[in-house]
C-alpha atoms as a PDB file:
ATOM      1  CA  UNK A   1    -145.939  84.334  84.780  1.00  0.00           C
ATOM      2  CA  UNK A   2    -144.902  82.351  81.329  1.00  0.00           C
ATOM      3  CA  UNK A   3    -143.012  84.292  78.956  1.00  0.00           C
ATOM      4  CA  UNK A   4    -141.558  83.284  75.281  1.00  0.00           C
ATOM      5  CA  UNK A   5    -138.662  84.723  73.886  1.00  0.00           C
ATOM      6  CA  UNK A   6    -137.335  84.519  70.223  1.00  0.00           C
ATOM      7  CA  UNK A   7    -134.549  86.339  68.404  1.00  0.00           C
ATOM      8  CA  UNK A   8    -132.645  86.236  65.197  1.00  0.00           C
ATOM      9  CA  UNK A   9    -128.524  86.673  65.732  1.00  0.00           C
ATOM     10  CA  UNK A  10    -128.958  90.632  66.424  1.00  0.00           C
ATOM     11  CA  UNK A  11    -130.506  89.815  69.315  1.00  0.00           C
ATOM     12  CA  UNK A  12    -129.256  86.737  70.439  1.00  0.00           C
ATOM     13  CA  UNK A  13    -126.649  88.868  73.361  1.00  0.00           C
ATOM     14  CA  UNK A  14    -129.830  90.844  74.345  1.00  0.00           C
ATOM     15  CA  UNK A  15    -132.115  87.474  74.484  1.00  0.00           C
ATOM     16  CA  UNK A  16    -129.777  86.057  76.858  1.00  0.00           C
ATOM     17  CA  UNK A  17    -129.929  89.445  79.352  1.00  0.00           C
ATOM     18  CA  UNK A  18    -133.662  89.412  79.276  1.00  0.00           C
ATOM     19  CA  UNK A  19    -133.959  85.681  79.817  1.00  0.00           C
ATOM     20  CA  UNK A  20    -131.623  86.119  82.861  1.00  0.00           C
ATOM     21  CA  UNK A  21    -133.353  89.023  84.229  1.00  0.00           C
ATOM     22  CA  UNK A  22    -137.208  86.946  83.800  1.00  0.00           C
ATOM     23  CA  UNK A  23    -136.021  83.777  85.393  1.00  0.00           C
ATOM     24  CA  UNK A  24    -134.263  85.950  88.389  1.00  0.00           C
ATOM     25  CA  UNK A  25    -137.843  87.662  89.026  1.00  0.00           C
ATOM     26  CA  UNK A  26    -139.458  84.507  89.220  1.00  0.00           C
ATOM     27  CA  UNK A  27    -140.861  84.141  85.620  1.00  0.00           C
ATOM     28  CA  UNK A  28    -141.031  80.818  83.603  1.00  0.00           C
ATOM     29  CA  UNK A  29    -139.060  81.665  80.602  1.00  0.00           C
ATOM     30  CA  UNK A  30    -139.321  79.422  76.958  1.00  0.00           C
ATOM     31  CA  UNK A  31    -136.194  80.289  74.631  1.00  0.00           C
ATOM     32  CA  UNK A  32    -137.270  79.074  71.239  1.00  0.00           C
ATOM     33  CA  UNK A  33    -133.887  80.226  69.648  1.00  0.00           C
ATOM     34  CA  UNK A  34    -131.834  81.376  68.170  1.00  0.00           C
ATOM     35  CA  UNK A  35    -128.915  79.741  70.085  1.00  0.00           C
ATOM     36  CA  UNK A  36    -125.716  82.126  68.695  1.00  0.00           C
ATOM     37  CA  UNK A  37    -124.760  85.090  66.902  1.00  0.00           C
ATOM     38  CA  UNK A  38    -124.738  83.003  63.471  1.00  0.00           C
ATOM     39  CA  UNK A  39    -126.720  85.001  61.255  1.00  0.00           C
ATOM     40  CA  UNK A  40    -130.308  83.462  60.786  1.00  0.00           C
ATOM     41  CA  UNK A  41    -133.696  85.189  59.536  1.00  0.00           C
ATOM     42  CA  UNK A  42    -135.757  86.819  62.053  1.00  0.00           C
ATOM     43  CA  UNK A  43    -139.282  85.393  60.942  1.00  0.00           C
ATOM     44  CA  UNK A  44    -138.228  81.750  61.615  1.00  0.00           C
ATOM     45  CA  UNK A  45    -138.132  82.627  65.441  1.00  0.00           C
ATOM     46  CA  UNK A  46    -140.721  85.828  66.086  1.00  0.00           C
ATOM     47  CA  UNK A  47    -144.000  83.684  64.272  1.00  0.00           C
ATOM     48  CA  UNK A  48    -143.096  80.961  67.025  1.00  0.00           C
ATOM     49  CA  UNK A  49    -143.077  83.209  69.452  1.00  0.00           C
ATOM     50  CA  UNK A  50    -146.237  84.693  68.842  1.00  0.00           C
ATOM     51  CA  UNK A  51    -147.873  81.662  67.980  1.00  0.00           C
ATOM     52  CA  UNK A  52    -147.112  80.185  71.770  1.00  0.00           C
ATOM     53  CA  UNK A  53    -148.610  83.381  72.631  1.00  0.00           C
ATOM     54  CA  UNK A  54    -151.773  82.751  70.665  1.00  0.00           C
ATOM     55  CA  UNK A  55    -151.790  79.354  71.404  1.00  0.00           C
ATOM     56  CA  UNK A  56    -152.040  79.972  75.327  1.00  0.00           C
ATOM     57  CA  UNK A  57    -148.502  78.259  75.744  1.00  0.00           C
ATOM     58  CA  UNK A  58    -147.567  81.506  77.257  1.00  0.00           C
ATOM     59  CA  UNK A  59    -148.638  85.214  78.901  1.00  0.00           C
ATOM     60  CA  UNK A  60    -146.706  87.119  77.058  1.00  0.00           C
ATOM     61  CA  UNK A  61    -143.815  87.076  74.083  1.00  0.00           C
ATOM     62  CA  UNK A  62    -140.676  89.065  73.488  1.00  0.00           C
ATOM     63  CA  UNK A  63    -139.216  89.082  70.223  1.00  0.00           C
ATOM     64  CA  UNK A  64    -135.522  90.765  69.261  1.00  0.00           C
ATOM     65  CA  UNK A  65    -133.593  92.085  66.453  1.00  0.00           C
ATOM     66  CA  UNK A  66    -131.327  94.330  65.300  1.00  0.00           C
ATOM     67  CA  UNK A  67    -133.928  97.179  64.920  1.00  0.00           C
ATOM     68  CA  UNK A  68    -136.917  94.796  65.927  1.00  0.00           C
ATOM     69  CA  UNK A  69    -139.132  96.234  63.605  1.00  0.00           C
ATOM     70  CA  UNK A  70    -138.929  93.491  60.912  1.00  0.00           C
ATOM     71  CA  UNK A  71    -139.705  91.488  64.001  1.00  0.00           C
ATOM     72  CA  UNK A  72    -142.868  93.050  65.225  1.00  0.00           C
ATOM     73  CA  UNK A  73    -144.041  92.353  61.661  1.00  0.00           C
ATOM     74  CA  UNK A  74    -143.006  88.764  61.683  1.00  0.00           C
ATOM     75  CA  UNK A  75    -145.153  88.282  64.871  1.00  0.00           C
ATOM     76  CA  UNK A  76    -147.982  90.280  63.854  1.00  0.00           C
ATOM     77  CA  UNK A  77    -148.654  88.075  61.036  1.00  0.00           C
ATOM     78  CA  UNK A  78    -149.861  85.573  63.374  1.00  0.00           C
ATOM     79  CA  UNK A  79    -153.667  85.642  63.626  1.00  0.00           C
ATOM     80  CA  UNK A  80    -154.137  87.399  67.556  1.00  0.00           C
ATOM     81  CA  UNK A  81    -150.805  88.394  67.840  1.00  0.00           C
ATOM     82  CA  UNK A  82    -150.302  92.164  68.839  1.00  0.00           C
ATOM     83  CA  UNK A  83    -146.841  92.966  68.960  1.00  0.00           C
ATOM     84  CA  UNK A  84    -145.402  96.390  69.804  1.00  0.00           C
ATOM     85  CA  UNK A  85    -142.384  97.826  68.733  1.00  0.00           C
ATOM     86  CA  UNK A  86    -140.918  99.779  72.300  1.00  0.00           C
ATOM     87  CA  UNK A  87    -138.386 102.135  72.398  1.00  0.00           C
ATOM     88  CA  UNK A  88    -139.042 103.345  76.483  1.00  0.00           C
ATOM     89  CA  UNK A  89    -141.396 102.842  79.412  1.00  0.00           C
ATOM     90  CA  UNK A  90    -144.214 104.836  78.148  1.00  0.00           C
ATOM     91  CA  UNK A  91    -144.582 103.095  74.714  1.00  0.00           C
ATOM     92  CA  UNK A  92    -144.135  99.540  76.710  1.00  0.00           C
ATOM     93  CA  UNK A  93    -146.997 101.118  79.572  1.00  0.00           C
ATOM     94  CA  UNK A  94    -149.163 102.068  76.337  1.00  0.00           C
ATOM     95  CA  UNK A  95    -148.536  99.217  74.494  1.00  0.00           C
ATOM     96  CA  UNK A  96    -150.658  96.703  77.293  1.00  0.00           C
ATOM     97  CA  UNK A  97    -152.297  99.817  78.411  1.00  0.00           C
ATOM     98  CA  UNK A  98    -154.453 100.914  75.300  1.00  0.00           C
ATOM     99  CA  UNK A  99    -153.683  98.045  72.389  1.00  0.00           C
ATOM    100  CA  UNK A 100    -153.554  95.101  74.876  1.00  0.00           C
ATOM    101  CA  UNK A 101    -150.179  93.752  73.332  1.00  0.00           C
ATOM    102  CA  UNK A 102    -149.182  90.312  73.848  1.00  0.00           C
ATOM    103  CA  UNK A 103    -145.561  90.713  72.316  1.00  0.00           C
ATOM    104  CA  UNK A 104    -142.869  92.893  72.996  1.00  0.00           C
ATOM    105  CA  UNK A 105    -140.476  93.615  70.408  1.00  0.00           C
ATOM    106  CA  UNK A 106    -137.049  95.400  71.014  1.00  0.00           C
ATOM    107  CA  UNK A 107    -133.936  96.410  68.510  1.00  0.00           C
ATOM    108  CA  UNK A 108    -130.883  95.241  70.515  1.00  0.00           C
ATOM    109  CA  UNK A 109    -129.002  97.665  68.524  1.00  0.00           C
ATOM    110  CA  UNK A 110    -131.170 100.581  69.424  1.00  0.00           C
ATOM    111  CA  UNK A 111    -131.623 100.045  73.180  1.00  0.00           C
ATOM    112  CA  UNK A 112    -129.159  99.224  75.727  1.00  0.00           C
ATOM    113  CA  UNK A 113    -129.555  96.313  77.695  1.00  0.00           C
ATOM    114  CA  UNK A 114    -130.472  98.181  81.130  1.00  0.00           C
ATOM    115  CA  UNK A 115    -133.381 100.360  79.216  1.00  0.00           C
ATOM    116  CA  UNK A 116    -134.212  97.078  77.643  1.00  0.00           C
ATOM    117  CA  UNK A 117    -134.776  95.547  81.107  1.00  0.00           C
ATOM    118  CA  UNK A 118    -136.854  98.861  82.368  1.00  0.00           C
ATOM    119  CA  UNK A 119    -138.791  98.380  79.303  1.00  0.00           C
ATOM    120  CA  UNK A 120    -139.597  94.709  79.909  1.00  0.00           C
ATOM    121  CA  UNK A 121    -140.682  95.032  83.626  1.00  0.00           C
ATOM    122  CA  UNK A 122    -142.692  97.941  82.327  1.00  0.00           C
ATOM    123  CA  UNK A 123    -144.285  95.736  79.564  1.00  0.00           C
ATOM    124  CA  UNK A 124    -144.780  92.443  82.073  1.00  0.00           C
ATOM    125  CA  UNK A 125    -146.435  94.465  84.746  1.00  0.00           C
ATOM    126  CA  UNK A 126    -148.790  96.581  83.145  1.00  0.00           C
ATOM    127  CA  UNK A 127    -152.347  95.586  82.242  1.00  0.00           C
ATOM    128  CA  UNK A 128    -154.976  96.544  79.788  1.00  0.00           C
ATOM    129  CA  UNK A 129    -157.142  99.249  80.739  1.00  0.00           C
ATOM    130  CA  UNK A 130    -160.095  97.995  78.761  1.00  0.00           C
ATOM    131  CA  UNK A 131    -163.028 100.687  78.372  1.00  0.00           C
ATOM    132  CA  UNK A 132    -162.819 103.077  75.385  1.00  0.00           C
ATOM    133  CA  UNK A 133    -160.081 101.054  73.989  1.00  0.00           C
ATOM    134  CA  UNK A 134    -162.039  97.513  73.678  1.00  0.00           C
ATOM    135  CA  UNK A 135    -164.162  98.549  70.835  1.00  0.00           C
ATOM    136  CA  UNK A 136    -160.936  99.838  68.745  1.00  0.00           C
ATOM    137  CA  UNK A 137    -159.156  96.186  69.319  1.00  0.00           C
ATOM    138  CA  UNK A 138    -162.780  94.705  68.301  1.00  0.00           C
ATOM    139  CA  UNK A 139    -162.124  96.904  65.191  1.00  0.00           C
ATOM    140  CA  UNK A 140    -158.478  95.695  64.776  1.00  0.00           C
ATOM    141  CA  UNK A 141    -159.754  91.755  65.185  1.00  0.00           C
ATOM    142  CA  UNK A 142    -162.403  92.505  62.250  1.00  0.00           C
ATOM    143  CA  UNK A 143    -159.884  93.872  59.925  1.00  0.00           C
ATOM    144  CA  UNK A 144    -157.884  90.671  60.825  1.00  0.00           C
ATOM    145  CA  UNK A 145    -160.395  88.749  60.260  1.00  0.00           C
ATOM    146  CA  UNK A 146    -161.211  89.931  57.064  1.00  0.00           C
ATOM    147  CA  UNK A 147    -157.596  89.726  55.926  1.00  0.00           C
ATOM    148  CA  UNK A 148    -157.090  85.905  56.984  1.00  0.00           C
ATOM    149  CA  UNK A 149    -160.545  84.851  55.166  1.00  0.00           C
END
């Protein structure tokens, strides 16, 4: 699976841990930055991650920052992105099973590296259940289309 990563300075160290884990487990990884702990603005890294996923250049994306909240918001501004801020295995699983999330947002100041790896593994391996969730995603897509018109 091809997974694209992006972070601000606060998420930089955790991004490195996740990238190494993904590579070790056989995934292709594209790191869109940032490349240090020098302060940067997260939208400049989160939107390209979401665009890569929506554009078909990656299967999933991961955005990281201090809280993950702004990163999820920035990624969700991209038409077709469904970024989910996850703090545990359950939110990661449900984000994929029910919402067909395609971008995982993590807060490096709130999630320890070991837990972040577990959340990532759940997010990557979980699949969309379809069924009753399909009409809901269609309703979300309709809202998105109305707002983007």
